[in-house]
Amino acid sequence: MKDFVDGTAFSAEQGMRARKLFAAVVLAALDDAIADDRKYGNGPDQIARWARSRDGREVLSCAGIDPTERVVEGLMAFVARGVRTSVALSREESERRNAAGERPEAA
């Protein structure tokens, strides 16, 4: 019985690590789309095309994100704001938003 519990815990831990890896891929895709938006002006279109593609839907699913049209619209809005993911996820940005009274939006 103990081996089963250890095996289950190990599998769950591996699953969480895999989910974090795919979440990092989503963040990288967002950063790439933001860079495209600054350079070419087509960032929201690029992230929407990727998120609606077969590979994009698979990556979003593996990251634990339901690949619905609402999610695609949120990703597009995030890219349109132009704030890099590292900055948007930082504590300073969160504190700045709270001080300014802005509503934090989920991507």
PDB file of N, CA and C in Angstrom:
ATOM      1  N   MET A   1       0.825  -1.195   0.000  1.00  0.00           N
ATOM      2  CA  MET A   1       0.000   0.000   0.000  1.00  0.00           C
ATOM      3  C   MET A   1       0.869   1.258   0.000  1.00  0.00           C
ATOM      4  N   LYS A   2       1.952   1.226   0.762  1.00  0.00           N
ATOM      5  CA  LYS A   2       2.822   2.399   0.842  1.00  0.00           C
ATOM      6  C   LYS A   2       3.441   2.702  -0.518  1.00  0.00           C
ATOM      7  N   ASP A   3       3.812   1.668  -1.261  1.00  0.00           N
ATOM      8  CA  ASP A   3       4.396   1.882  -2.577  1.00  0.00           C
ATOM      9  C   ASP A   3       3.401   2.540  -3.522  1.00  0.00           C
ATOM     10  N   PHE A   4       2.120   2.157  -3.415  1.00  0.00           N
ATOM     11  CA  PHE A   4       1.093   2.758  -4.258  1.00  0.00           C
ATOM     12  C   PHE A   4       0.952   4.247  -3.955  1.00  0.00           C
ATOM     13  N   VAL A   5       0.947   4.603  -2.688  1.00  0.00           N
ATOM     14  CA  VAL A   5       0.819   6.009  -2.297  1.00  0.00           C
ATOM     15  C   VAL A   5       2.031   6.791  -2.772  1.00  0.00           C
ATOM     16  N   ASP A   6       3.223   6.244  -2.613  1.00  0.00           N
ATOM     17  CA  ASP A   6       4.432   6.925  -3.081  1.00  0.00           C
ATOM     18  C   ASP A   6       4.405   7.092  -4.595  1.00  0.00           C
ATOM     19  N   GLY A   7       3.973   6.059  -5.297  1.00  0.00           N
ATOM     20  CA  GLY A   7       3.890   6.135  -6.753  1.00  0.00           C
ATOM     21  C   GLY A   7       2.889   7.159  -7.215  1.00  0.00           C
ATOM     22  N   THR A   8       1.740   7.235  -6.539  1.00  0.00           N
ATOM     23  CA  THR A   8       0.720   8.218  -6.883  1.00  0.00           C
ATOM     24  C   THR A   8       1.218   9.633  -6.612  1.00  0.00           C
ATOM     25  N   ALA A   9       1.876   9.835  -5.501  1.00  0.00           N
ATOM     26  CA  ALA A   9       2.418  11.158  -5.174  1.00  0.00           C
ATOM     27  C   ALA A   9       3.482  11.565  -6.182  1.00  0.00           C
ATOM     28  N   PHE A  10       4.310  10.624  -6.587  1.00  0.00           N
ATOM     29  CA  PHE A  10       5.356  10.918  -7.570  1.00  0.00           C
ATOM     30  C   PHE A  10       4.719  11.287  -8.908  1.00  0.00           C
ATOM     31  N   SER A  11       3.684  10.554  -9.315  1.00  0.00           N
ATOM     32  CA  SER A  11       3.012  10.848 -10.581  1.00  0.00           C
ATOM     33  C   SER A  11       2.354  12.223 -10.546  1.00  0.00           C
ATOM     34  N   ALA A  12       1.722  12.559  -9.436  1.00  0.00           N
ATOM     35  CA  ALA A  12       1.091  13.873  -9.312  1.00  0.00           C
ATOM     36  C   ALA A  12       2.135  14.982  -9.377  1.00  0.00           C
ATOM     37  N   GLU A  13       3.272  14.761  -8.753  1.00  0.00           N
ATOM     38  CA  GLU A  13       4.341  15.757  -8.781  1.00  0.00           C
ATOM     39  C   GLU A  13       4.869  15.939 -10.202  1.00  0.00           C
ATOM     40  N   GLN A  14       5.032  14.830 -10.918  1.00  0.00           N
ATOM     41  CA  GLN A  14       5.486  14.928 -12.310  1.00  0.00           C
ATOM     42  C   GLN A  14       4.463  15.668 -13.162  1.00  0.00           C
ATOM     43  N   GLY A  15       3.183  15.408 -12.910  1.00  0.00           N
ATOM     44  CA  GLY A  15       2.134  16.093 -13.655  1.00  0.00           C
ATOM     45  C   GLY A  15       2.158  17.589 -13.427  1.00  0.00           C
ATOM     46  N   MET A  16       2.388  18.000 -12.201  1.00  0.00           N
ATOM     47  CA  MET A  16       2.464  19.436 -11.900  1.00  0.00           C
ATOM     48  C   MET A  16       3.681  20.073 -12.566  1.00  0.00           C
ATOM     49  N   ARG A  17       4.783  19.349 -12.585  1.00  0.00           N
ATOM     50  CA  ARG A  17       5.975  19.885 -13.266  1.00  0.00           C
ATOM     51  C   ARG A  17       5.723  20.031 -14.757  1.00  0.00           C
ATOM     52  N   ALA A  18       5.053  19.056 -15.360  1.00  0.00           N
ATOM     53  CA  ALA A  18       4.733  19.136 -16.787  1.00  0.00           C
ATOM     54  C   ALA A  18       3.791  20.304 -17.062  1.00  0.00           C
ATOM     55  N   ARG A  19       2.805  20.497 -16.199  1.00  0.00           N
ATOM     56  CA  ARG A  19       1.864  21.607 -16.371  1.00  0.00           C
ATOM     57  C   ARG A  19       2.601  22.941 -16.293  1.00  0.00           C
ATOM     58  N   LYS A  20       3.540  23.070 -15.369  1.00  0.00           N
ATOM     59  CA  LYS A  20       4.323  24.307 -15.250  1.00  0.00           C
ATOM     60  C   LYS A  20       5.175  24.536 -16.499  1.00  0.00           C
ATOM     61  N   LEU A  21       5.705  23.453 -17.062  1.00  0.00           N
ATOM     62  CA  LEU A  21       6.498  23.568 -18.289  1.00  0.00           C
ATOM     63  C   LEU A  21       5.642  24.107 -19.431  1.00  0.00           C
ATOM     64  N   PHE A  22       4.434  23.565 -19.586  1.00  0.00           N
ATOM     65  CA  PHE A  22       3.563  24.041 -20.650  1.00  0.00           C
ATOM     66  C   PHE A  22       3.080  25.465 -20.377  1.00  0.00           C
ATOM     67  N   ALA A  23       2.894  25.827 -19.118  1.00  0.00           N
ATOM     68  CA  ALA A  23       2.538  27.202 -18.787  1.00  0.00           C
ATOM     69  C   ALA A  23       3.660  28.155 -19.195  1.00  0.00           C
ATOM     70  N   ALA A  24       4.898  27.713 -19.031  1.00  0.00           N
ATOM     71  CA  ALA A  24       6.036  28.538 -19.454  1.00  0.00           C
ATOM     72  C   ALA A  24       6.034  28.717 -20.972  1.00  0.00           C
ATOM     73  N   VAL A  25       5.607  27.705 -21.707  1.00  0.00           N
ATOM     74  CA  VAL A  25       5.506  27.821 -23.166  1.00  0.00           C
ATOM     75  C   VAL A  25       4.439  28.855 -23.541  1.00  0.00           C
ATOM     76  N   VAL A  26       3.327  28.859 -22.827  1.00  0.00           N
ATOM     77  CA  VAL A  26       2.273  29.851 -23.075  1.00  0.00           C
ATOM     78  C   VAL A  26       2.808  31.253 -22.802  1.00  0.00           C
ATOM     79  N   LEU A  27       3.532  31.427 -21.706  1.00  0.00           N
ATOM     80  CA  LEU A  27       4.111  32.740 -21.400  1.00  0.00           C
ATOM     81  C   LEU A  27       5.102  33.173 -22.471  1.00  0.00           C
ATOM     82  N   ALA A  28       5.891  32.246 -22.976  1.00  0.00           N
ATOM     83  CA  ALA A  28       6.840  32.567 -24.050  1.00  0.00           C
ATOM     84  C   ALA A  28       6.095  32.968 -25.321  1.00  0.00           C
ATOM     85  N   ALA A  29       4.997  32.287 -25.619  1.00  0.00           N
ATOM     86  CA  ALA A  29       4.198  32.648 -26.798  1.00  0.00           C
ATOM     87  C   ALA A  29       3.621  34.053 -26.643  1.00  0.00           C
ATOM     88  N   LEU A  30       3.189  34.393 -25.438  1.00  0.00           N
ATOM     89  CA  LEU A  30       2.686  35.743 -25.191  1.00  0.00           C
ATOM     90  C   LEU A  30       3.788  36.780 -25.386  1.00  0.00           C
ATOM     91  N   ASP A  31       4.972  36.505 -24.854  1.00  0.00           N
ATOM     92  CA  ASP A  31       6.089  37.444 -25.028  1.00  0.00           C
ATOM     93  C   ASP A  31       6.456  37.603 -26.502  1.00  0.00           C
ATOM     94  N   ASP A  32       6.434  36.496 -27.256  1.00  0.00           N
ATOM     95  CA  ASP A  32       6.720  36.575 -28.693  1.00  0.00           C
ATOM     96  C   ASP A  32       5.674  37.420 -29.419  1.00  0.00           C
ATOM     97  N   ALA A  33       4.410  37.250 -29.039  1.00  0.00           N
ATOM     98  CA  ALA A  33       3.349  38.029 -29.673  1.00  0.00           C
ATOM     99  C   ALA A  33       3.480  39.514 -29.323  1.00  0.00           C
ATOM    100  N   ILE A  34       3.879  39.808 -28.093  1.00  0.00           N
ATOM    101  CA  ILE A  34       4.089  41.207 -27.699  1.00  0.00           C
ATOM    102  C   ILE A  34       5.238  41.816 -28.502  1.00  0.00           C
ATOM    103  N   ALA A  35       6.295  41.038 -28.687  1.00  0.00           N
ATOM    104  CA  ALA A  35       7.419  41.521 -29.503  1.00  0.00           C
ATOM    105  C   ALA A  35       6.972  41.753 -30.945  1.00  0.00           C
ATOM    106  N   ASP A  36       6.166  40.843 -31.497  1.00  0.00           N
ATOM    107  CA  ASP A  36       5.641  41.027 -32.850  1.00  0.00           C
ATOM    108  C   ASP A  36       4.756  42.257 -32.928  1.00  0.00           C
ATOM    109  N   ASP A  37       3.994  42.505 -31.868  1.00  0.00           N
ATOM    110  CA  ASP A  37       3.108  43.664 -31.861  1.00  0.00           C
ATOM    111  C   ASP A  37       3.916  44.952 -31.895  1.00  0.00           C
ATOM    112  N   ARG A  38       4.991  44.992 -31.158  1.00  0.00           N
ATOM    113  CA  ARG A  38       5.841  46.197 -31.146  1.00  0.00           C
ATOM    114  C   ARG A  38       6.561  46.385 -32.474  1.00  0.00           C
ATOM    115  N   LYS A  39       6.961  45.277 -33.095  1.00  0.00           N
ATOM    116  CA  LYS A  39       7.748  45.363 -34.326  1.00  0.00           C
ATOM    117  C   LYS A  39       6.868  45.500 -35.571  1.00  0.00           C
ATOM    118  N   TYR A  40       5.827  44.664 -35.653  1.00  0.00           N
ATOM    119  CA  TYR A  40       5.014  44.621 -36.868  1.00  0.00           C
ATOM    120  C   TYR A  40       3.579  45.102 -36.679  1.00  0.00           C
ATOM    121  N   GLY A  41       3.127  45.206 -35.413  1.00  0.00           N
ATOM    122  CA  GLY A  41       1.770  45.646 -35.150  1.00  0.00           C
ATOM    123  C   GLY A  41       0.699  44.569 -35.278  1.00  0.00           C
ATOM    124  N   ASN A  42       1.112  43.284 -35.305  1.00  0.00           N
ATOM    125  CA  ASN A  42       0.132  42.217 -35.482  1.00  0.00           C
ATOM    126  C   ASN A  42       0.156  41.200 -34.338  1.00  0.00           C
ATOM    127  N   GLY A  43       0.535  41.616 -33.154  1.00  0.00           N
ATOM    128  CA  GLY A  43       0.666  40.702 -32.022  1.00  0.00           C
ATOM    129  C   GLY A  43      -0.621  40.004 -31.617  1.00  0.00           C
ATOM    130  N   PRO A  44      -1.729  40.747 -31.432  1.00  0.00           N
ATOM    131  CA  PRO A  44      -2.974  40.074 -31.052  1.00  0.00           C
ATOM    132  C   PRO A  44      -3.435  39.052 -32.091  1.00  0.00           C
ATOM    133  N   ASP A  45      -3.236  39.372 -33.361  1.00  0.00           N
ATOM    134  CA  ASP A  45      -3.609  38.421 -34.413  1.00  0.00           C
ATOM    135  C   ASP A  45      -2.736  37.170 -34.359  1.00  0.00           C
ATOM    136  N   GLN A  46      -1.449  37.372 -34.078  1.00  0.00           N
ATOM    137  CA  GLN A  46      -0.524  36.238 -34.002  1.00  0.00           C
ATOM    138  C   GLN A  46      -0.887  35.303 -32.852  1.00  0.00           C
ATOM    139  N   ILE A  47      -1.165  35.852 -31.659  1.00  0.00           N
ATOM    140  CA  ILE A  47      -1.481  35.000 -30.516  1.00  0.00           C
ATOM    141  C   ILE A  47      -2.830  34.315 -30.741  1.00  0.00           C
ATOM    142  N   ALA A  48      -3.766  34.997 -31.379  1.00  0.00           N
ATOM    143  CA  ALA A  48      -5.064  34.374 -31.669  1.00  0.00           C
ATOM    144  C   ALA A  48      -4.895  33.223 -32.651  1.00  0.00           C
ATOM    145  N   ARG A  49      -4.100  33.432 -33.675  1.00  0.00           N
ATOM    146  CA  ARG A  49      -3.860  32.366 -34.657  1.00  0.00           C
ATOM    147  C   ARG A  49      -3.199  31.166 -33.986  1.00  0.00           C
ATOM    148  N   TRP A  50      -2.220  31.436 -33.117  1.00  0.00           N
ATOM    149  CA  TRP A  50      -1.539  30.336 -32.418  1.00  0.00           C
ATOM    150  C   TRP A  50      -2.499  29.620 -31.472  1.00  0.00           C
ATOM    151  N   ALA A  51      -3.267  30.368 -30.685  1.00  0.00           N
ATOM    152  CA  ALA A  51      -4.160  29.763 -29.694  1.00  0.00           C
ATOM    153  C   ALA A  51      -5.266  28.949 -30.351  1.00  0.00           C
ATOM    154  N   ARG A  52      -5.668  29.330 -31.550  1.00  0.00           N
ATOM    155  CA  ARG A  52      -6.714  28.590 -32.250  1.00  0.00           C
ATOM    156  C   ARG A  52      -6.172  27.414 -33.047  1.00  0.00           C
ATOM    157  N   SER A  53      -4.852  27.377 -33.221  1.00  0.00           N
ATOM    158  CA  SER A  53      -4.252  26.271 -33.974  1.00  0.00           C
ATOM    159  C   SER A  53      -4.292  24.988 -33.152  1.00  0.00           C
ATOM    160  N   ARG A  54      -4.064  23.899 -33.824  1.00  0.00           N
ATOM    161  CA  ARG A  54      -4.070  22.603 -33.143  1.00  0.00           C
ATOM    162  C   ARG A  54      -2.986  22.540 -32.077  1.00  0.00           C
ATOM    163  N   ASP A  55      -1.793  22.977 -32.418  1.00  0.00           N
ATOM    164  CA  ASP A  55      -0.689  22.969 -31.448  1.00  0.00           C
ATOM    165  C   ASP A  55      -0.969  23.905 -30.275  1.00  0.00           C
ATOM    166  N   GLY A  56      -1.503  25.076 -30.558  1.00  0.00           N
ATOM    167  CA  GLY A  56      -1.806  26.025 -29.503  1.00  0.00           C
ATOM    168  C   GLY A  56      -2.849  25.494 -28.537  1.00  0.00           C
ATOM    169  N   ARG A  57      -3.896  24.891 -29.082  1.00  0.00           N
ATOM    170  CA  ARG A  57      -4.932  24.312 -28.220  1.00  0.00           C
ATOM    171  C   ARG A  57      -4.350  23.193 -27.356  1.00  0.00           C
ATOM    172  N   GLU A  58      -3.466  22.399 -27.929  1.00  0.00           N
ATOM    173  CA  GLU A  58      -2.846  21.307 -27.170  1.00  0.00           C
ATOM    174  C   GLU A  58      -1.972  21.848 -26.041  1.00  0.00           C
ATOM    175  N   VAL A  59      -1.178  22.869 -26.327  1.00  0.00           N
ATOM    176  CA  VAL A  59      -0.312  23.464 -25.309  1.00  0.00           C
ATOM    177  C   VAL A  59      -1.152  24.099 -24.203  1.00  0.00           C
ATOM    178  N   LEU A  60      -2.193  24.831 -24.587  1.00  0.00           N
ATOM    179  CA  LEU A  60      -3.060  25.444 -23.578  1.00  0.00           C
ATOM    180  C   LEU A  60      -3.704  24.377 -22.695  1.00  0.00           C
ATOM    181  N   SER A  61      -4.170  23.306 -23.296  1.00  0.00           N
ATOM    182  CA  SER A  61      -4.782  22.218 -22.521  1.00  0.00           C
ATOM    183  C   SER A  61      -3.782  21.594 -21.566  1.00  0.00           C
ATOM    184  N   CYS A  62      -2.577  21.346 -22.037  1.00  0.00           N
ATOM    185  CA  CYS A  62      -1.550  20.751 -21.181  1.00  0.00           C
ATOM    186  C   CYS A  62      -1.121  21.689 -20.056  1.00  0.00           C
ATOM    187  N   ALA A  63      -1.293  22.988 -20.273  1.00  0.00           N
ATOM    188  CA  ALA A  63      -0.970  23.967 -19.233  1.00  0.00           C
ATOM    189  C   ALA A  63      -2.113  24.121 -18.243  1.00  0.00           C
ATOM    190  N   GLY A  64      -3.221  23.435 -18.484  1.00  0.00           N
ATOM    191  CA  GLY A  64      -4.359  23.528 -17.583  1.00  0.00           C
ATOM    192  C   GLY A  64      -5.290  24.676 -17.913  1.00  0.00           C
ATOM    193  N   ILE A  65      -5.208  25.178 -19.139  1.00  0.00           N
ATOM    194  CA  ILE A  65      -6.036  26.297 -19.580  1.00  0.00           C
ATOM    195  C   ILE A  65      -7.014  25.764 -20.622  1.00  0.00           C
ATOM    196  N   ASP A  66      -8.303  25.998 -20.412  1.00  0.00           N
ATOM    197  CA  ASP A  66      -9.319  25.545 -21.351  1.00  0.00           C
ATOM    198  C   ASP A  66      -9.242  26.412 -22.607  1.00  0.00           C
ATOM    199  N   PRO A  67      -8.950  25.836 -23.775  1.00  0.00           N
ATOM    200  CA  PRO A  67      -8.741  26.649 -24.988  1.00  0.00           C
ATOM    201  C   PRO A  67     -10.051  27.111 -25.629  1.00  0.00           C
ATOM    202  N   THR A  68     -10.797  27.952 -24.921  1.00  0.00           N
ATOM    203  CA  THR A  68     -12.060  28.470 -25.442  1.00  0.00           C
ATOM    204  C   THR A  68     -11.838  29.812 -26.127  1.00  0.00           C
ATOM    205  N   GLU A  69     -12.871  30.283 -26.797  1.00  0.00           N
ATOM    206  CA  GLU A  69     -12.785  31.578 -27.473  1.00  0.00           C
ATOM    207  C   GLU A  69     -12.607  32.710 -26.463  1.00  0.00           C
ATOM    208  N   ARG A  70     -13.174  32.556 -25.281  1.00  0.00           N
ATOM    209  CA  ARG A  70     -12.998  33.565 -24.233  1.00  0.00           C
ATOM    210  C   ARG A  70     -11.526  33.678 -23.828  1.00  0.00           C
ATOM    211  N   VAL A  71     -10.851  32.560 -23.743  1.00  0.00           N
ATOM    212  CA  VAL A  71      -9.420  32.562 -23.416  1.00  0.00           C
ATOM    213  C   VAL A  71      -8.633  33.238 -24.529  1.00  0.00           C
ATOM    214  N   VAL A  72      -8.984  32.939 -25.783  1.00  0.00           N
ATOM    215  CA  VAL A  72      -8.293  33.561 -26.917  1.00  0.00           C
ATOM    216  C   VAL A  72      -8.455  35.074 -26.867  1.00  0.00           C
ATOM    217  N   GLU A  73      -9.658  35.533 -26.572  1.00  0.00           N
ATOM    218  CA  GLU A  73      -9.892  36.977 -26.466  1.00  0.00           C
ATOM    219  C   GLU A  73      -9.083  37.586 -25.324  1.00  0.00           C
ATOM    220  N   GLY A  74      -8.960  36.868 -24.217  1.00  0.00           N
ATOM    221  CA  GLY A  74      -8.141  37.346 -23.101  1.00  0.00           C
ATOM    222  C   GLY A  74      -6.673  37.426 -23.458  1.00  0.00           C
ATOM    223  N   LEU A  75      -6.187  36.430 -24.186  1.00  0.00           N
ATOM    224  CA  LEU A  75      -4.791  36.456 -24.628  1.00  0.00           C
ATOM    225  C   LEU A  75      -4.555  37.632 -25.568  1.00  0.00           C
ATOM    226  N   MET A  76      -5.505  37.869 -26.460  1.00  0.00           N
ATOM    227  CA  MET A  76      -5.379  39.001 -27.389  1.00  0.00           C
ATOM    228  C   MET A  76      -5.361  40.334 -26.624  1.00  0.00           C
ATOM    229  N   ALA A  77      -6.211  40.464 -25.622  1.00  0.00           N
ATOM    230  CA  ALA A  77      -6.247  41.697 -24.835  1.00  0.00           C
ATOM    231  C   ALA A  77      -4.941  41.884 -24.067  1.00  0.00           C
ATOM    232  N   PHE A  78      -4.393  40.785 -23.548  1.00  0.00           N
ATOM    233  CA  PHE A  78      -3.128  40.867 -22.820  1.00  0.00           C
ATOM    234  C   PHE A  78      -2.017  41.356 -23.738  1.00  0.00           C
ATOM    235  N   VAL A  79      -1.958  40.798 -24.941  1.00  0.00           N
ATOM    236  CA  VAL A  79      -0.923  41.206 -25.903  1.00  0.00           C
ATOM    237  C   VAL A  79      -1.132  42.655 -26.317  1.00  0.00           C
ATOM    238  N   ALA A  80      -2.376  43.061 -26.483  1.00  0.00           N
ATOM    239  CA  ALA A  80      -2.651  44.443 -26.899  1.00  0.00           C
ATOM    240  C   ALA A  80      -2.191  45.452 -25.855  1.00  0.00           C
ATOM    241  N   ARG A  81      -2.230  45.068 -24.568  1.00  0.00           N
ATOM    242  CA  ARG A  81      -1.733  45.974 -23.515  1.00  0.00           C
ATOM    243  C   ARG A  81      -0.228  46.170 -23.622  1.00  0.00           C
ATOM    244  N   GLY A  82       0.489  45.199 -24.152  1.00  0.00           N
ATOM    245  CA  GLY A  82       1.915  45.350 -24.394  1.00  0.00           C
ATOM    246  C   GLY A  82       2.821  45.218 -23.187  1.00  0.00           C
ATOM    247  N   VAL A  83       2.322  44.672 -22.093  1.00  0.00           N
ATOM    248  CA  VAL A  83       3.141  44.497 -20.891  1.00  0.00           C
ATOM    249  C   VAL A  83       3.726  43.091 -20.919  1.00  0.00           C
ATOM    250  N   ARG A  84       5.046  42.996 -20.883  1.00  0.00           N
ATOM    251  CA  ARG A  84       5.709  41.681 -20.913  1.00  0.00           C
ATOM    252  C   ARG A  84       5.239  40.828 -19.738  1.00  0.00           C
ATOM    253  N   THR A  85       5.241  39.518 -19.927  1.00  0.00           N
ATOM    254  CA  THR A  85       4.728  38.620 -18.890  1.00  0.00           C
ATOM    255  C   THR A  85       5.553  38.702 -17.613  1.00  0.00           C
ATOM    256  N   SER A  86       6.854  38.867 -17.739  1.00  0.00           N
ATOM    257  CA  SER A  86       7.690  38.955 -16.540  1.00  0.00           C
ATOM    258  C   SER A  86       7.342  40.186 -15.715  1.00  0.00           C
ATOM    259  N   VAL A  87       6.987  41.265 -16.372  1.00  0.00           N
ATOM    260  CA  VAL A  87       6.603  42.491 -15.680  1.00  0.00           C
ATOM    261  C   VAL A  87       5.195  42.352 -15.110  1.00  0.00           C
ATOM    262  N   ALA A  88       4.274  41.783 -15.910  1.00  0.00           N
ATOM    263  CA  ALA A  88       2.885  41.648 -15.477  1.00  0.00           C
ATOM    264  C   ALA A  88       2.756  40.732 -14.271  1.00  0.00           C
ATOM    265  N   LEU A  89       3.634  39.754 -14.158  1.00  0.00           N
ATOM    266  CA  LEU A  89       3.569  38.809 -13.053  1.00  0.00           C
ATOM    267  C   LEU A  89       4.383  39.243 -11.846  1.00  0.00           C
ATOM    268  N   SER A  90       5.062  40.362 -11.955  1.00  0.00           N
ATOM    269  CA  SER A  90       5.918  40.796 -10.855  1.00  0.00           C
ATOM    270  C   SER A  90       5.099  41.407  -9.724  1.00  0.00           C
ATOM    271  N   ARG A  91       5.650  41.379  -8.561  1.00  0.00           N
ATOM    272  CA  ARG A  91       4.993  41.942  -7.381  1.00  0.00           C
ATOM    273  C   ARG A  91       4.852  43.453  -7.515  1.00  0.00           C
ATOM    274  N   GLU A  92       5.855  44.118  -8.084  1.00  0.00           N
ATOM    275  CA  GLU A  92       5.809  45.564  -8.214  1.00  0.00           C
ATOM    276  C   GLU A  92       4.651  45.996  -9.104  1.00  0.00           C
ATOM    277  N   GLU A  93       4.435  45.276 -10.200  1.00  0.00           N
ATOM    278  CA  GLU A  93       3.340  45.617 -11.102  1.00  0.00           C
ATOM    279  C   GLU A  93       1.998  45.403 -10.419  1.00  0.00           C
ATOM    280  N   SER A  94       1.896  44.344  -9.657  1.00  0.00           N
ATOM    281  CA  SER A  94       0.660  44.072  -8.922  1.00  0.00           C
ATOM    282  C   SER A  94       0.379  45.173  -7.907  1.00  0.00           C
ATOM    283  N   GLU A  95       1.402  45.588  -7.189  1.00  0.00           N
ATOM    284  CA  GLU A  95       1.241  46.660  -6.210  1.00  0.00           C
ATOM    285  C   GLU A  95       0.904  47.986  -6.892  1.00  0.00           C
ATOM    286  N   ARG A  96       1.501  48.243  -8.037  1.00  0.00           N
ATOM    287  CA  ARG A  96       1.222  49.468  -8.783  1.00  0.00           C
ATOM    288  C   ARG A  96      -0.234  49.486  -9.239  1.00  0.00           C
ATOM    289  N   ARG A  97      -0.706  48.346  -9.750  1.00  0.00           N
ATOM    290  CA  ARG A  97      -2.084  48.243 -10.191  1.00  0.00           C
ATOM    291  C   ARG A  97      -3.062  48.442  -9.035  1.00  0.00           C
ATOM    292  N   ASN A  98      -2.756  47.830  -7.899  1.00  0.00           N
ATOM    293  CA  ASN A  98      -3.623  47.988  -6.724  1.00  0.00           C
ATOM    294  C   ASN A  98      -3.638  49.427  -6.238  1.00  0.00           C
ATOM    295  N   ALA A  99      -2.496  50.091  -6.264  1.00  0.00           N
ATOM    296  CA  ALA A  99      -2.418  51.485  -5.830  1.00  0.00           C
ATOM    297  C   ALA A  99      -3.183  52.397  -6.772  1.00  0.00           C
ATOM    298  N   ALA A 100      -3.162  52.054  -8.063  1.00  0.00           N
ATOM    299  CA  ALA A 100      -3.864  52.877  -9.050  1.00  0.00           C
ATOM    300  C   ALA A 100      -5.349  52.571  -9.084  1.00  0.00           C
ATOM    301  N   GLY A 101      -5.751  51.503  -8.408  1.00  0.00           N
ATOM    302  CA  GLY A 101      -7.167  51.144  -8.358  1.00  0.00           C
ATOM    303  C   GLY A 101      -7.632  50.401  -9.599  1.00  0.00           C
ATOM    304  N   GLU A 102      -6.694  49.877 -10.368  1.00  0.00           N
ATOM    305  CA  GLU A 102      -7.061  49.118 -11.564  1.00  0.00           C
ATOM    306  C   GLU A 102      -7.563  47.737 -11.186  1.00  0.00           C
ATOM    307  N   ARG A 103      -8.425  47.207 -12.020  1.00  0.00           N
ATOM    308  CA  ARG A 103      -8.917  45.860 -11.824  1.00  0.00           C
ATOM    309  C   ARG A 103      -7.973  44.896 -12.511  1.00  0.00           C
ATOM    310  N   PRO A 104      -7.384  43.922 -11.779  1.00  0.00           N
ATOM    311  CA  PRO A 104      -6.501  42.963 -12.445  1.00  0.00           C
ATOM    312  C   PRO A 104      -7.303  42.079 -13.372  1.00  0.00           C
ATOM    313  N   GLU A 105      -6.813  41.964 -14.612  1.00  0.00           N
ATOM    314  CA  GLU A 105      -7.510  41.164 -15.601  1.00  0.00           C
ATOM    315  C   GLU A 105      -6.756  39.876 -15.837  1.00  0.00           C
ATOM    316  N   ALA A 106      -7.482  38.785 -15.971  1.00  0.00           N
ATOM    317  CA  ALA A 106      -6.854  37.478 -16.227  1.00  0.00           C
ATOM    318  C   ALA A 106      -6.673  37.320 -17.725  1.00  0.00           C
ATOM    319  N   ALA A 107      -5.568  36.729 -18.096  1.00  0.00           N
ATOM    320  CA  ALA A 107      -5.305  36.495 -19.512  1.00  0.00           C
ATOM    321  C   ALA A 107      -5.702  35.132 -19.923  1.00  0.00           C
TER     322      ALA A 107
END
